[in-house]
C-alpha atoms as a PDB file:
ATOM      1  CA  MET A   1      -0.267   0.005  -0.053  1.00  0.00           C
ATOM      2  CA  ASN A   2       2.713   2.429   0.717  1.00  0.00           C
ATOM      3  CA  TRP A   3       4.186   2.122  -2.660  1.00  0.00           C
ATOM      4  CA  ILE A   4       0.867   3.185  -3.982  1.00  0.00           C
ATOM      5  CA  LEU A   5       0.896   5.972  -1.810  1.00  0.00           C
ATOM      6  CA  ILE A   6       4.695   7.261  -2.848  1.00  0.00           C
ATOM      7  CA  ILE A   7       3.394   6.912  -6.633  1.00  0.00           C
ATOM      8  CA  ILE A   8       0.132   8.751  -6.258  1.00  0.00           C
ATOM      9  CA  ALA A   9       2.350  11.274  -4.447  1.00  0.00           C
ATOM     10  CA  GLY A  10       4.827  11.314  -7.101  1.00  0.00           C
ATOM     11  CA  ILE A  11       1.758  12.182  -9.731  1.00  0.00           C
ATOM     12  CA  PHE A  12       0.438  15.110  -7.351  1.00  0.00           C
ATOM     13  CA  GLU A  13       4.056  16.399  -7.221  1.00  0.00           C
ATOM     14  CA  THR A  14       3.829  16.264 -11.358  1.00  0.00           C
ATOM     15  CA  GLY A  15       0.532  18.002 -10.607  1.00  0.00           C
ATOM     16  CA  PHE A  16       1.935  20.961  -9.231  1.00  0.00           C
ATOM     17  CA  ALA A  17       4.679  21.419 -11.609  1.00  0.00           C
ATOM     18  CA  PHE A  18       2.051  21.609 -14.082  1.00  0.00           C
ATOM     19  CA  CYS A  19      -0.279  23.984 -12.004  1.00  0.00           C
ATOM     20  CA  MET A  20       2.981  26.449 -11.420  1.00  0.00           C
ATOM     21  CA  GLY A  21       4.035  26.349 -15.152  1.00  0.00           C
ATOM     22  CA  ARG A  22       0.070  27.347 -16.192  1.00  0.00           C
ATOM     23  CA  ALA A  23      -0.003  29.790 -13.487  1.00  0.00           C
ATOM     24  CA  GLN A  24       2.832  31.529 -14.879  1.00  0.00           C
ATOM     25  CA  GLU A  25       1.312  31.597 -18.228  1.00  0.00           C
ATOM     26  CA  SER A  26      -2.134  33.116 -16.846  1.00  0.00           C
ATOM     27  CA  SER A  27      -2.958  36.154 -15.067  1.00  0.00           C
ATOM     28  CA  GLY A  28      -5.839  37.673 -13.080  1.00  0.00           C
ATOM     29  CA  LYS A  29      -8.566  35.069 -11.588  1.00  0.00           C
ATOM     30  CA  GLU A  30      -7.112  32.008 -13.908  1.00  0.00           C
ATOM     31  CA  ALA A  31      -3.722  32.424 -12.345  1.00  0.00           C
ATOM     32  CA  LEU A  32      -5.103  32.669  -8.927  1.00  0.00           C
ATOM     33  CA  LEU A  33      -7.053  29.229  -9.604  1.00  0.00           C
ATOM     34  CA  TRP A  34      -3.787  27.543 -10.838  1.00  0.00           C
ATOM     35  CA  TRP A  35      -1.960  28.825  -7.898  1.00  0.00           C
ATOM     36  CA  ILE A  36      -4.768  27.034  -5.816  1.00  0.00           C
ATOM     37  CA  ALA A  37      -4.508  24.076  -7.587  1.00  0.00           C
ATOM     38  CA  PHE A  38      -1.036  23.918  -6.992  1.00  0.00           C
ATOM     39  CA  GLY A  39      -0.871  24.505  -3.421  1.00  0.00           C
ATOM     40  CA  PHE A  40      -3.658  21.701  -3.411  1.00  0.00           C
ATOM     41  CA  CYS A  41      -1.168  19.259  -5.155  1.00  0.00           C
ATOM     42  CA  MET A  42       1.691  20.059  -3.085  1.00  0.00           C
ATOM     43  CA  LEU A  43      -0.368  19.638  -0.039  1.00  0.00           C
ATOM     44  CA  MET A  44      -1.586  16.109  -1.360  1.00  0.00           C
ATOM     45  CA  SER A  45       1.948  15.332  -2.374  1.00  0.00           C
ATOM     46  CA  LEU A  46       3.336  15.822   1.059  1.00  0.00           C
ATOM     47  CA  LEU A  47       0.606  14.415   3.294  1.00  0.00           C
ATOM     48  CA  LEU A  48       0.832  10.946   0.877  1.00  0.00           C
ATOM     49  CA  MET A  49       4.500  11.119   1.097  1.00  0.00           C
ATOM     50  CA  TYR A  50       4.349  11.291   5.005  1.00  0.00           C
ATOM     51  CA  ARG A  51       2.093   8.395   5.090  1.00  0.00           C
ATOM     52  CA  ALA A  52       4.185   6.177   2.747  1.00  0.00           C
ATOM     53  CA  LEU A  53       6.957   6.732   5.460  1.00  0.00           C
ATOM     54  CA  SER A  54       4.670   5.790   8.310  1.00  0.00           C
ATOM     55  CA  GLY A  55       3.242   2.477   9.471  1.00  0.00           C
ATOM     56  CA  PRO A  56       4.575  -1.308   9.607  1.00  0.00           C
ATOM     57  CA  ASN A  57       5.404  -1.513   6.304  1.00  0.00           C
ATOM     58  CA  ALA A  58       7.109   2.018   5.752  1.00  0.00           C
ATOM     59  CA  ILE A  59       9.346   2.769   3.072  1.00  0.00           C
ATOM     60  CA  PRO A  60      12.859   3.842   3.966  1.00  0.00           C
ATOM     61  CA  ILE A  61      13.202   7.663   3.652  1.00  0.00           C
ATOM     62  CA  GLY A  62      16.086   7.659   1.000  1.00  0.00           C
ATOM     63  CA  THR A  63      14.123   5.331  -1.455  1.00  0.00           C
ATOM     64  CA  ALA A  64      10.937   6.935  -1.061  1.00  0.00           C
ATOM     65  CA  TYR A  65      12.247  10.363  -1.465  1.00  0.00           C
ATOM     66  CA  ALA A  66      14.250   9.250  -4.626  1.00  0.00           C
ATOM     67  CA  VAL A  67      11.199   7.531  -5.967  1.00  0.00           C
ATOM     68  CA  TRP A  68       8.913  10.546  -5.239  1.00  0.00           C
ATOM     69  CA  THR A  69      11.306  13.272  -6.831  1.00  0.00           C
ATOM     70  CA  GLY A  70      11.899  10.910  -9.653  1.00  0.00           C
ATOM     71  CA  ILE A  71       8.368  10.476 -10.534  1.00  0.00           C
ATOM     72  CA  GLY A  72       7.829  14.169 -10.284  1.00  0.00           C
ATOM     73  CA  ALA A  73      11.001  14.841 -12.450  1.00  0.00           C
ATOM     74  CA  VAL A  74       9.848  12.392 -15.227  1.00  0.00           C
ATOM     75  CA  GLY A  75       6.290  13.634 -14.892  1.00  0.00           C
ATOM     76  CA  ALA A  76       7.590  17.273 -15.035  1.00  0.00           C
ATOM     77  CA  THR A  77       9.568  16.433 -18.246  1.00  0.00           C
ATOM     78  CA  ILE A  78       6.772  14.830 -19.858  1.00  0.00           C
ATOM     79  CA  MET A  79       4.212  17.711 -19.133  1.00  0.00           C
ATOM     80  CA  GLY A  80       7.018  20.339 -20.344  1.00  0.00           C
ATOM     81  CA  ILE A  81       7.307  18.583 -23.534  1.00  0.00           C
ATOM     82  CA  VAL A  82       3.444  18.035 -24.060  1.00  0.00           C
ATOM     83  CA  PHE A  83       2.147  21.341 -22.763  1.00  0.00           C
ATOM     84  CA  PHE A  84       4.842  23.874 -22.517  1.00  0.00           C
ATOM     85  CA  GLN A  85       6.506  22.752 -26.018  1.00  0.00           C
ATOM     86  CA  GLU A  86       9.686  22.357 -24.300  1.00  0.00           C
ATOM     87  CA  PRO A  87      12.587  20.421 -26.425  1.00  0.00           C
ATOM     88  CA  ALA A  88      12.384  16.686 -26.787  1.00  0.00           C
ATOM     89  CA  THR A  89      16.157  15.943 -27.733  1.00  0.00           C
ATOM     90  CA  PHE A  90      17.414  12.530 -27.836  1.00  0.00           C
ATOM     91  CA  TRP A  91      19.820  13.160 -24.823  1.00  0.00           C
ATOM     92  CA  ARG A  92      16.755  14.475 -22.550  1.00  0.00           C
ATOM     93  CA  LEU A  93      14.424  11.552 -23.400  1.00  0.00           C
ATOM     94  CA  PHE A  94      17.785   9.136 -22.765  1.00  0.00           C
ATOM     95  CA  PHE A  95      18.423  10.628 -19.338  1.00  0.00           C
ATOM     96  CA  THR A  96      14.809  10.412 -18.563  1.00  0.00           C
ATOM     97  CA  SER A  97      14.535   6.767 -19.413  1.00  0.00           C
ATOM     98  CA  THR A  98      17.397   5.724 -17.185  1.00  0.00           C
ATOM     99  CA  LEU A  99      15.650   7.863 -14.637  1.00  0.00           C
ATOM    100  CA  ILE A 100      12.538   5.708 -14.872  1.00  0.00           C
ATOM    101  CA  GLY A 101      15.040   2.735 -14.892  1.00  0.00           C
ATOM    102  CA  SER A 102      16.058   3.815 -11.681  1.00  0.00           C
ATOM    103  CA  ILE A 103      12.884   4.040  -9.866  1.00  0.00           C
ATOM    104  CA  VAL A 104      11.917   0.691 -11.095  1.00  0.00           C
ATOM    105  CA  GLY A 105      15.113  -0.804  -9.758  1.00  0.00           C
ATOM    106  CA  LEU A 106      14.799   0.926  -6.437  1.00  0.00           C
ATOM    107  CA  LYS A 107      11.171  -0.566  -6.030  1.00  0.00           C
ATOM    108  CA  PHE A 108      12.824  -3.971  -6.823  1.00  0.00           C
ATOM    109  CA  VAL A 109      15.504  -3.734  -4.467  1.00  0.00           C
ATOM    110  CA  SER A 110      13.434  -2.038  -1.546  1.00  0.00           C
ATOM    111  CA  ASN A 111      11.194  -3.637   0.708  1.00  0.00           C
END
């Protein structure tokens, strides 16, 4: 269950990066709504991270943090390419792929 929580926390981390990007592109009431969504995603991400680190099957902090930030980094990279027209160069995609491999590897070598 804690692994599911950390994955969802990473997705919320991607969400707050996306909301921040949209807020910076907007103004007025629309920007305010994006900043509220940013705060919600950040809060949910941190609460789920906290829950994944608690209880009898807690994930070690180093592993949880690496997976959490890795999911956020991969998600933010994908969001940047898809929604913010950031470049999808070979090396950027190559290193994003190695990051995904590292996240999966941490899952398999951790409890």
